[in-house]
Amino acid sequence: MERGEFSIVKAKFISPCRRIINKEFGLSNQLIFTQWLTEYEKMLRHIIAGFEAKPALQDEVFQEIALNIWKAIPGFRQDASAKTFIARIAHNVLATHVAKSVRTVKADQDIEQISESQAAAKTSTPYQALDQSQRQQRLSQAIRQLKLEQQQVITLALEGMSYLEIAETLAISTSLVGVRLNRAKASLTQLLEVV
């Protein structure tokens, strides 16, 4: 069977079978959506914080990403992991968001959600929690100053994704992920020295 023939078989037979299996075993789109948002909300919030400083806009972007995930569930072919699929949707929405935004000086606002969840999990002194929070704020501010393609790879890398997962998410080669990540790290080092 040639490659083109397999695509036809896959489209006509395998995809409808997946829908039937999902219905048979109770895996409705709503259940999948709820499960994914529960599992990947923290990752999405971190990715969003890397692109948007204002908490109100972060919430709007999160809602837009959630809506796009909901719309994309029927088309999920399981070629990649759910994590990669969701991260790709998030990055597409964020790329559009950044492109629409007017490049003006961003307000100096803190990213409290990241530091609150991590500080609550640790038993540390108030001074240590403040120091950790300030370092996270500096890092987030520096990430927002990077070029879009550098922001994308560095936020995914900070979420613990492998080069392969980042490459699948952004639809680029793994070698390009390495190049962009090295450039992002170099730029971040310079920005953090200045800040």
Protein backbone atom coordinates (compact mmCIF):
# COMPACT_ATOMS: atom_id res chain seq x y z
CA MET A 1 0.00 0.00 0.00
CA GLU A 2 1.40 3.40 -0.97
CA ARG A 3 1.52 6.37 1.36
CA GLY A 4 -1.37 8.19 -0.34
CA GLU A 5 -3.55 5.09 -0.15
CA PHE A 6 -2.90 4.80 3.59
CA SER A 7 -4.02 8.40 4.11
CA ILE A 8 -7.31 7.61 2.38
CA VAL A 9 -7.80 4.46 4.49
CA LYS A 10 -6.91 6.40 7.63
CA ALA A 11 -9.36 9.21 6.82
CA LYS A 12 -12.22 6.89 5.89
CA PHE A 13 -11.76 4.13 8.46
CA ILE A 14 -9.42 4.85 11.36
CA SER A 15 -10.69 8.33 12.32
CA PRO A 16 -14.37 7.27 12.50
CA CYS A 17 -13.32 4.19 14.48
CA ARG A 18 -11.58 6.40 17.05
CA ARG A 19 -14.77 8.43 17.46
CA ILE A 20 -16.79 5.23 17.95
CA ILE A 21 -14.27 3.91 20.49
CA ASN A 22 -14.30 7.22 22.34
CA LYS A 23 -18.11 7.14 22.52
CA GLU A 24 -18.16 3.47 23.55
CA PHE A 25 -15.75 4.03 26.41
CA GLY A 26 -17.29 7.33 27.46
CA LEU A 27 -14.41 9.53 26.37
CA SER A 28 -16.52 12.43 25.23
CA ASN A 29 -14.97 15.65 24.02
CA GLN A 30 -16.10 17.32 27.23
CA LEU A 31 -14.33 14.74 29.37
CA ILE A 32 -11.16 14.97 27.28
CA PHE A 33 -11.29 18.78 27.44
CA THR A 34 -11.74 18.80 31.22
CA GLN A 35 -8.97 16.26 31.70
CA TRP A 36 -6.54 18.16 29.48
CA LEU A 37 -7.21 21.55 31.07
CA THR A 38 -6.85 20.07 34.54
CA GLU A 39 -3.59 18.36 33.64
CA TYR A 40 -2.00 21.14 31.56
CA GLU A 41 -3.36 24.37 33.09
CA LYS A 42 -0.15 25.09 34.98
CA MET A 43 1.93 24.60 31.82
CA LEU A 44 -0.39 26.88 29.86
CA ARG A 45 -0.25 29.58 32.55
CA HIS A 46 3.56 29.47 32.51
CA ILE A 47 3.69 29.71 28.73
CA ILE A 48 1.22 32.62 28.73
CA ALA A 49 3.19 34.42 31.45
CA GLY A 50 6.26 34.22 29.23
CA PHE A 51 4.46 36.22 26.55
CA GLU A 52 2.07 38.53 28.41
CA ALA A 53 2.79 40.60 31.51
CA LYS A 54 -0.69 41.85 32.36
CA PRO A 55 -2.77 39.41 34.47
CA ALA A 56 -6.07 40.50 32.89
CA LEU A 57 -4.71 39.82 29.40
CA GLN A 58 -3.23 36.54 30.59
CA ASP A 59 -6.72 35.41 31.60
CA GLU A 60 -8.16 36.49 28.24
CA VAL A 61 -5.45 34.62 26.35
CA PHE A 62 -6.01 31.54 28.53
CA GLN A 63 -9.72 31.60 27.64
CA GLU A 64 -8.89 31.96 23.96
CA ILE A 65 -6.49 29.01 24.17
CA ALA A 66 -9.10 26.93 26.00
CA LEU A 67 -11.65 27.72 23.29
CA ASN A 68 -9.18 26.73 20.56
CA ILE A 69 -8.40 23.47 22.39
CA TRP A 70 -12.13 22.72 22.58
CA LYS A 71 -12.51 23.34 18.85
CA ALA A 72 -9.45 21.24 18.01
CA ILE A 73 -10.35 18.11 20.04
CA PRO A 74 -12.34 16.44 17.22
CA GLY A 75 -9.32 16.83 14.92
CA PHE A 76 -6.80 15.37 17.38
CA ARG A 77 -5.23 12.44 15.51
CA GLN A 78 -2.91 11.30 18.31
CA ASP A 79 0.13 11.72 16.06
CA ALA A 80 1.76 13.59 18.94
CA SER A 81 1.18 13.63 22.68
CA ALA A 82 -1.67 15.66 24.14
CA LYS A 83 0.93 17.89 25.83
CA THR A 84 2.57 18.72 22.51
CA PHE A 85 -0.83 19.21 20.83
CA ILE A 86 -1.96 21.64 23.54
CA ALA A 87 1.35 23.52 23.61
CA ARG A 88 1.16 23.96 19.84
CA ILE A 89 -2.33 25.42 20.07
CA ALA A 90 -1.16 27.75 22.86
CA HIS A 91 1.80 28.94 20.82
CA ASN A 92 -0.33 29.55 17.74
CA VAL A 93 -2.76 31.65 19.79
CA LEU A 94 0.09 33.49 21.50
CA ALA A 95 1.86 34.18 18.20
CA THR A 96 -1.35 35.76 16.92
CA HIS A 97 -1.75 37.69 20.18
CA VAL A 98 1.81 39.04 19.99
CA ALA A 99 1.44 39.92 16.31
CA LYS A 100 -1.75 41.88 17.05
CA SER A 101 -0.25 43.69 20.02
CA VAL A 102 1.29 47.04 19.42
CA ARG A 103 4.97 46.89 20.30
CA THR A 104 4.98 49.42 23.11
CA VAL A 105 6.84 49.46 26.37
CA LYS A 106 5.16 46.93 28.62
CA ALA A 107 4.09 47.92 32.09
CA ASP A 108 6.18 46.58 34.94
CA GLN A 109 3.75 44.14 36.46
CA ASP A 110 4.56 41.14 38.57
CA ILE A 111 3.74 37.59 37.69
CA GLU A 112 2.23 36.53 40.98
CA GLN A 113 0.57 33.29 39.94
CA ILE A 114 3.83 31.47 39.26
CA SER A 115 5.52 32.52 42.47
CA GLU A 116 2.44 31.93 44.66
CA SER A 117 2.01 28.30 43.67
CA GLN A 118 5.69 27.48 44.04
CA ALA A 119 6.19 29.46 47.25
CA ALA A 120 3.20 27.74 48.87
CA ALA A 121 4.64 24.33 48.03
CA LYS A 122 7.95 25.09 49.73
CA THR A 123 8.62 25.62 53.39
CA SER A 124 10.86 28.64 53.29
CA THR A 125 11.43 31.82 55.19
CA PRO A 126 9.68 34.98 54.01
CA TYR A 127 13.04 36.31 52.81
CA GLN A 128 13.68 33.20 50.69
CA ALA A 129 10.17 33.34 49.23
CA LEU A 130 10.63 37.02 48.35
CA ASP A 131 14.02 36.33 46.77
CA GLN A 132 12.56 33.46 44.70
CA SER A 133 9.64 35.63 43.62
CA GLN A 134 11.95 38.46 42.55
CA ARG A 135 14.15 36.10 40.53
CA GLN A 136 11.08 34.67 38.76
CA GLN A 137 9.85 38.17 37.98
CA ARG A 138 13.22 39.18 36.54
CA LEU A 139 13.32 36.02 34.42
CA SER A 140 9.78 36.57 33.12
CA GLN A 141 10.53 40.19 32.27
CA ALA A 142 13.69 39.15 30.43
CA ILE A 143 11.84 36.41 28.50
CA ARG A 144 9.24 38.94 27.33
CA GLN A 145 12.05 41.04 25.84
CA LEU A 146 13.26 38.19 23.60
CA LYS A 147 12.26 37.69 19.97
CA LEU A 148 9.09 35.64 19.51
CA GLU A 149 10.88 32.51 18.26
CA GLN A 150 13.24 32.65 21.25
CA GLN A 151 10.34 33.16 23.66
CA GLN A 152 8.65 30.08 22.26
CA VAL A 153 11.58 27.69 22.68
CA ILE A 154 12.68 28.98 26.08
CA THR A 155 9.19 28.79 27.63
CA LEU A 156 8.72 25.24 26.38
CA ALA A 157 12.18 24.24 27.58
CA LEU A 158 11.42 25.71 31.00
CA GLU A 159 8.31 23.51 31.05
CA GLY A 160 10.57 20.48 30.75
CA MET A 161 9.86 19.61 27.13
CA SER A 162 12.52 17.76 25.16
CA TYR A 163 14.01 19.13 21.93
CA LEU A 164 11.83 16.67 20.00
CA GLU A 165 8.64 17.79 21.78
CA ILE A 166 9.52 21.45 21.20
CA ALA A 167 10.22 20.72 17.54
CA GLU A 168 6.84 18.98 17.14
CA THR A 169 5.04 21.79 18.95
CA LEU A 170 6.57 24.55 16.83
CA ALA A 171 6.80 22.52 13.58
CA ILE A 172 10.55 23.08 13.25
CA SER A 173 13.57 20.77 13.22
CA THR A 174 15.28 19.66 16.43
CA SER A 175 18.53 21.29 15.29
CA LEU A 176 16.72 24.61 14.89
CA VAL A 177 15.33 24.17 18.41
CA GLY A 178 18.92 23.86 19.65
CA VAL A 179 20.05 26.95 17.76
CA ARG A 180 17.13 29.06 18.97
CA LEU A 181 17.51 27.79 22.53
CA ASN A 182 21.22 28.63 22.63
CA ARG A 183 20.53 32.11 21.25
CA ALA A 184 17.71 32.59 23.76
CA LYS A 185 19.97 31.54 26.64
CA ALA A 186 22.70 33.93 25.49
CA SER A 187 20.21 36.78 25.18
CA LEU A 188 18.71 35.98 28.58
CA THR A 189 22.14 35.99 30.18
CA GLN A 190 22.79 39.45 28.77
CA LEU A 191 19.36 40.75 29.77
CA LEU A 192 19.62 39.40 33.30
CA GLU A 193 23.03 41.01 33.75
CA VAL A 194 21.53 44.38 32.78
CA VAL A 195 18.27 44.09 34.75
